[in-house]
């Protein structure tokens, strides 16, 4: 099980490896690459990294800090 300090490393690794990841509100999305080899590498990394549901808010917060987010529209 990962601790909260791993969220930054998780995001940095994905970004450094060229994967598309961004926050939407307090959640994050990660696109699966179209190329089979890149997709396999991503899935291997995610499996090796381990469970991260408990890090969702920390990962999203870090993505916001580095400008990788989709703003949510608010309705008045």
N, C-alpha and C. Protein backbone atom coordinates (compact mmCIF):
# COMPACT_ATOMS: atom_id res chain seq x y z
N UNK A 1 0.85 -1.19 0.00
CA UNK A 1 0.00 0.00 0.00
C UNK A 1 0.89 1.24 0.00
N UNK A 2 0.55 2.17 -0.83
CA UNK A 2 1.33 3.39 -0.95
C UNK A 2 0.91 4.42 0.09
N UNK A 3 1.83 5.32 0.43
CA UNK A 3 1.45 6.41 1.32
C UNK A 3 1.21 7.66 0.48
N UNK A 4 0.67 8.69 1.10
CA UNK A 4 0.27 9.90 0.37
C UNK A 4 1.45 10.58 -0.32
N UNK A 5 2.66 10.44 0.20
CA UNK A 5 3.81 11.09 -0.42
C UNK A 5 4.14 10.49 -1.79
N UNK A 6 3.57 9.34 -2.11
CA UNK A 6 3.82 8.70 -3.40
C UNK A 6 3.02 9.34 -4.53
N UNK A 7 2.02 10.16 -4.21
CA UNK A 7 1.18 10.76 -5.25
C UNK A 7 2.02 11.60 -6.21
N UNK A 8 2.92 12.40 -5.68
CA UNK A 8 3.77 13.25 -6.52
C UNK A 8 4.63 12.40 -7.44
N UNK A 9 5.24 11.37 -6.90
CA UNK A 9 6.08 10.48 -7.71
C UNK A 9 5.25 9.82 -8.81
N UNK A 10 4.06 9.38 -8.47
CA UNK A 10 3.16 8.73 -9.43
C UNK A 10 2.90 9.66 -10.61
N UNK A 11 2.51 10.90 -10.32
CA UNK A 11 2.20 11.88 -11.37
C UNK A 11 3.45 12.20 -12.19
N UNK A 12 4.56 12.47 -11.52
CA UNK A 12 5.78 12.83 -12.23
C UNK A 12 6.23 11.73 -13.17
N UNK A 13 6.11 10.51 -12.74
CA UNK A 13 6.50 9.38 -13.59
C UNK A 13 5.62 9.29 -14.83
N UNK A 14 4.32 9.45 -14.64
CA UNK A 14 3.41 9.40 -15.79
C UNK A 14 3.70 10.53 -16.77
N UNK A 15 3.88 11.74 -16.26
CA UNK A 15 4.15 12.90 -17.11
C UNK A 15 5.49 12.73 -17.81
N UNK A 16 6.51 12.33 -17.07
CA UNK A 16 7.85 12.15 -17.66
C UNK A 16 7.84 11.09 -18.77
N UNK A 17 7.00 10.08 -18.61
CA UNK A 17 6.92 9.01 -19.60
C UNK A 17 6.00 9.37 -20.77
N UNK A 18 5.39 10.56 -20.70
CA UNK A 18 4.59 11.04 -21.82
C UNK A 18 3.13 10.62 -21.84
N UNK A 19 2.62 10.13 -20.72
CA UNK A 19 1.22 9.72 -20.68
C UNK A 19 0.32 10.91 -20.39
N UNK A 20 -0.88 10.88 -20.94
CA UNK A 20 -1.86 11.94 -20.74
C UNK A 20 -2.61 11.68 -19.44
N UNK A 21 -2.41 12.55 -18.47
CA UNK A 21 -3.08 12.44 -17.18
C UNK A 21 -3.48 13.84 -16.75
N UNK A 22 -4.71 13.98 -16.24
CA UNK A 22 -5.16 15.29 -15.76
C UNK A 22 -6.23 15.10 -14.69
N UNK A 23 -6.38 16.15 -13.90
CA UNK A 23 -7.39 16.14 -12.84
C UNK A 23 -8.69 16.72 -13.38
N UNK A 24 -9.76 16.20 -12.86
CA UNK A 24 -11.09 16.76 -13.08
C UNK A 24 -11.72 16.81 -11.70
N UNK A 25 -11.79 18.01 -11.15
CA UNK A 25 -12.26 18.15 -9.77
C UNK A 25 -11.30 17.45 -8.83
N UNK A 26 -11.84 16.58 -7.97
CA UNK A 26 -11.03 15.85 -7.00
C UNK A 26 -10.62 14.47 -7.49
N UNK A 27 -10.80 14.24 -8.79
CA UNK A 27 -10.47 12.95 -9.40
C UNK A 27 -9.45 13.17 -10.50
N UNK A 28 -8.96 12.10 -11.08
CA UNK A 28 -8.03 12.23 -12.19
C UNK A 28 -8.36 11.18 -13.25
N UNK A 29 -7.96 11.49 -14.48
CA UNK A 29 -8.16 10.56 -15.59
C UNK A 29 -6.82 10.34 -16.27
N UNK A 30 -6.69 9.16 -16.81
CA UNK A 30 -5.47 8.74 -17.48
C UNK A 30 -5.89 8.03 -18.75
N UNK A 31 -5.43 8.53 -19.90
CA UNK A 31 -5.82 7.90 -21.16
C UNK A 31 -4.89 6.75 -21.47
N UNK A 32 -5.48 5.72 -22.02
CA UNK A 32 -4.72 4.54 -22.44
C UNK A 32 -4.16 4.83 -23.82
N UNK A 33 -2.85 4.76 -23.99
CA UNK A 33 -2.26 5.05 -25.30
C UNK A 33 -2.77 4.09 -26.38
N UNK A 34 -2.86 4.61 -27.59
CA UNK A 34 -3.33 3.80 -28.72
C UNK A 34 -2.31 2.73 -29.12
N UNK A 35 -1.03 3.06 -28.98
CA UNK A 35 0.02 2.12 -29.35
C UNK A 35 0.09 0.99 -28.32
N UNK A 36 0.09 -0.23 -28.81
CA UNK A 36 0.05 -1.40 -27.93
C UNK A 36 1.23 -1.46 -26.96
N UNK A 37 2.44 -1.17 -27.44
CA UNK A 37 3.62 -1.24 -26.55
C UNK A 37 3.53 -0.20 -25.44
N UNK A 38 3.11 1.01 -25.77
CA UNK A 38 2.98 2.07 -24.76
C UNK A 38 1.89 1.71 -23.76
N UNK A 39 0.82 1.12 -24.25
CA UNK A 39 -0.27 0.70 -23.38
C UNK A 39 0.20 -0.40 -22.42
N UNK A 40 0.95 -1.35 -22.94
CA UNK A 40 1.49 -2.43 -22.10
C UNK A 40 2.41 -1.88 -21.02
N UNK A 41 3.29 -0.92 -21.40
CA UNK A 41 4.20 -0.31 -20.41
C UNK A 41 3.42 0.42 -19.33
N UNK A 42 2.37 1.14 -19.75
CA UNK A 42 1.55 1.87 -18.78
C UNK A 42 0.89 0.89 -17.81
N UNK A 43 0.30 -0.17 -18.33
CA UNK A 43 -0.38 -1.13 -17.46
C UNK A 43 0.61 -1.85 -16.54
N UNK A 44 1.80 -2.12 -17.02
CA UNK A 44 2.83 -2.72 -16.17
C UNK A 44 3.20 -1.76 -15.03
N UNK A 45 3.37 -0.47 -15.37
CA UNK A 45 3.68 0.53 -14.35
C UNK A 45 2.57 0.63 -13.31
N UNK A 46 1.33 0.67 -13.75
CA UNK A 46 0.20 0.79 -12.83
C UNK A 46 0.11 -0.42 -11.91
N UNK A 47 0.32 -1.61 -12.46
CA UNK A 47 0.30 -2.83 -11.64
C UNK A 47 1.42 -2.80 -10.60
N UNK A 48 2.61 -2.42 -11.04
CA UNK A 48 3.76 -2.39 -10.13
C UNK A 48 3.61 -1.31 -9.06
N UNK A 49 2.97 -0.21 -9.42
CA UNK A 49 2.80 0.88 -8.46
C UNK A 49 1.88 0.47 -7.32
N UNK A 50 0.90 -0.36 -7.62
CA UNK A 50 0.01 -0.87 -6.59
C UNK A 50 -1.26 -0.05 -6.41
N UNK A 51 -2.04 -0.41 -5.39
CA UNK A 51 -3.31 0.28 -5.14
C UNK A 51 -3.10 1.77 -4.91
N UNK A 52 -3.99 2.56 -5.48
CA UNK A 52 -3.85 4.01 -5.32
C UNK A 52 -5.18 4.72 -5.12
N UNK A 53 -6.26 3.98 -4.91
CA UNK A 53 -7.55 4.62 -4.66
C UNK A 53 -7.48 5.60 -3.50
N UNK A 54 -6.73 5.25 -2.47
CA UNK A 54 -6.62 6.12 -1.30
C UNK A 54 -5.81 7.39 -1.61
N UNK A 55 -5.17 7.46 -2.77
CA UNK A 55 -4.37 8.61 -3.16
C UNK A 55 -5.08 9.52 -4.16
N UNK A 56 -6.29 9.19 -4.53
CA UNK A 56 -6.98 9.93 -5.59
C UNK A 56 -6.97 11.44 -5.36
N UNK A 57 -7.35 11.88 -4.18
CA UNK A 57 -7.39 13.32 -3.90
C UNK A 57 -6.00 13.94 -3.95
N UNK A 58 -4.98 13.22 -3.44
CA UNK A 58 -3.60 13.73 -3.47
C UNK A 58 -3.07 13.81 -4.90
N UNK A 59 -3.38 12.81 -5.71
CA UNK A 59 -2.96 12.83 -7.11
C UNK A 59 -3.63 13.98 -7.84
N UNK A 60 -4.93 14.15 -7.65
CA UNK A 60 -5.65 15.26 -8.30
C UNK A 60 -5.10 16.61 -7.85
N UNK A 61 -4.81 16.74 -6.56
CA UNK A 61 -4.27 18.01 -6.05
C UNK A 61 -2.93 18.32 -6.69
N UNK A 62 -2.07 17.32 -6.82
CA UNK A 62 -0.77 17.56 -7.45
C UNK A 62 -0.95 17.94 -8.92
N UNK A 63 -1.86 17.29 -9.61
CA UNK A 63 -2.13 17.64 -11.00
C UNK A 63 -2.61 19.08 -11.12
N UNK A 64 -3.44 19.52 -10.18
CA UNK A 64 -3.88 20.93 -10.18
C UNK A 64 -2.68 21.85 -10.00
N UNK A 65 -1.79 21.51 -9.08
CA UNK A 65 -0.63 22.36 -8.81
C UNK A 65 0.27 22.53 -10.03
N UNK A 66 0.36 21.50 -10.85
CA UNK A 66 1.25 21.59 -12.02
C UNK A 66 0.49 21.99 -13.29
N UNK A 67 -0.76 22.38 -13.13
CA UNK A 67 -1.53 22.89 -14.27
C UNK A 67 -2.12 21.84 -15.19
N UNK A 68 -2.20 20.62 -14.73
CA UNK A 68 -2.78 19.55 -15.55
C UNK A 68 -4.17 19.23 -15.01
N UNK A 69 -5.13 20.08 -15.36
CA UNK A 69 -6.50 19.86 -14.91
C UNK A 69 -7.48 20.44 -15.91
N UNK A 70 -8.68 19.93 -15.86
CA UNK A 70 -9.79 20.44 -16.66
C UNK A 70 -10.70 21.16 -15.68
N UNK A 71 -10.88 22.48 -15.87
CA UNK A 71 -11.71 23.22 -14.92
C UNK A 71 -13.18 22.78 -14.99
N UNK A 72 -13.79 22.72 -13.84
CA UNK A 72 -15.20 22.40 -13.78
C UNK A 72 -16.00 23.70 -13.87
N UNK A 73 -17.01 23.68 -14.68
CA UNK A 73 -17.89 24.85 -14.80
C UNK A 73 -18.86 24.83 -13.63
N UNK A 74 -19.11 25.97 -13.07
CA UNK A 74 -20.09 26.08 -11.99
C UNK A 74 -21.32 26.81 -12.51
N UNK A 75 -22.46 26.40 -12.04
CA UNK A 75 -23.71 27.02 -12.44
C UNK A 75 -24.24 27.80 -11.26
N UNK A 76 -24.55 29.07 -11.48
CA UNK A 76 -25.09 29.91 -10.40
C UNK A 76 -26.59 29.76 -10.31
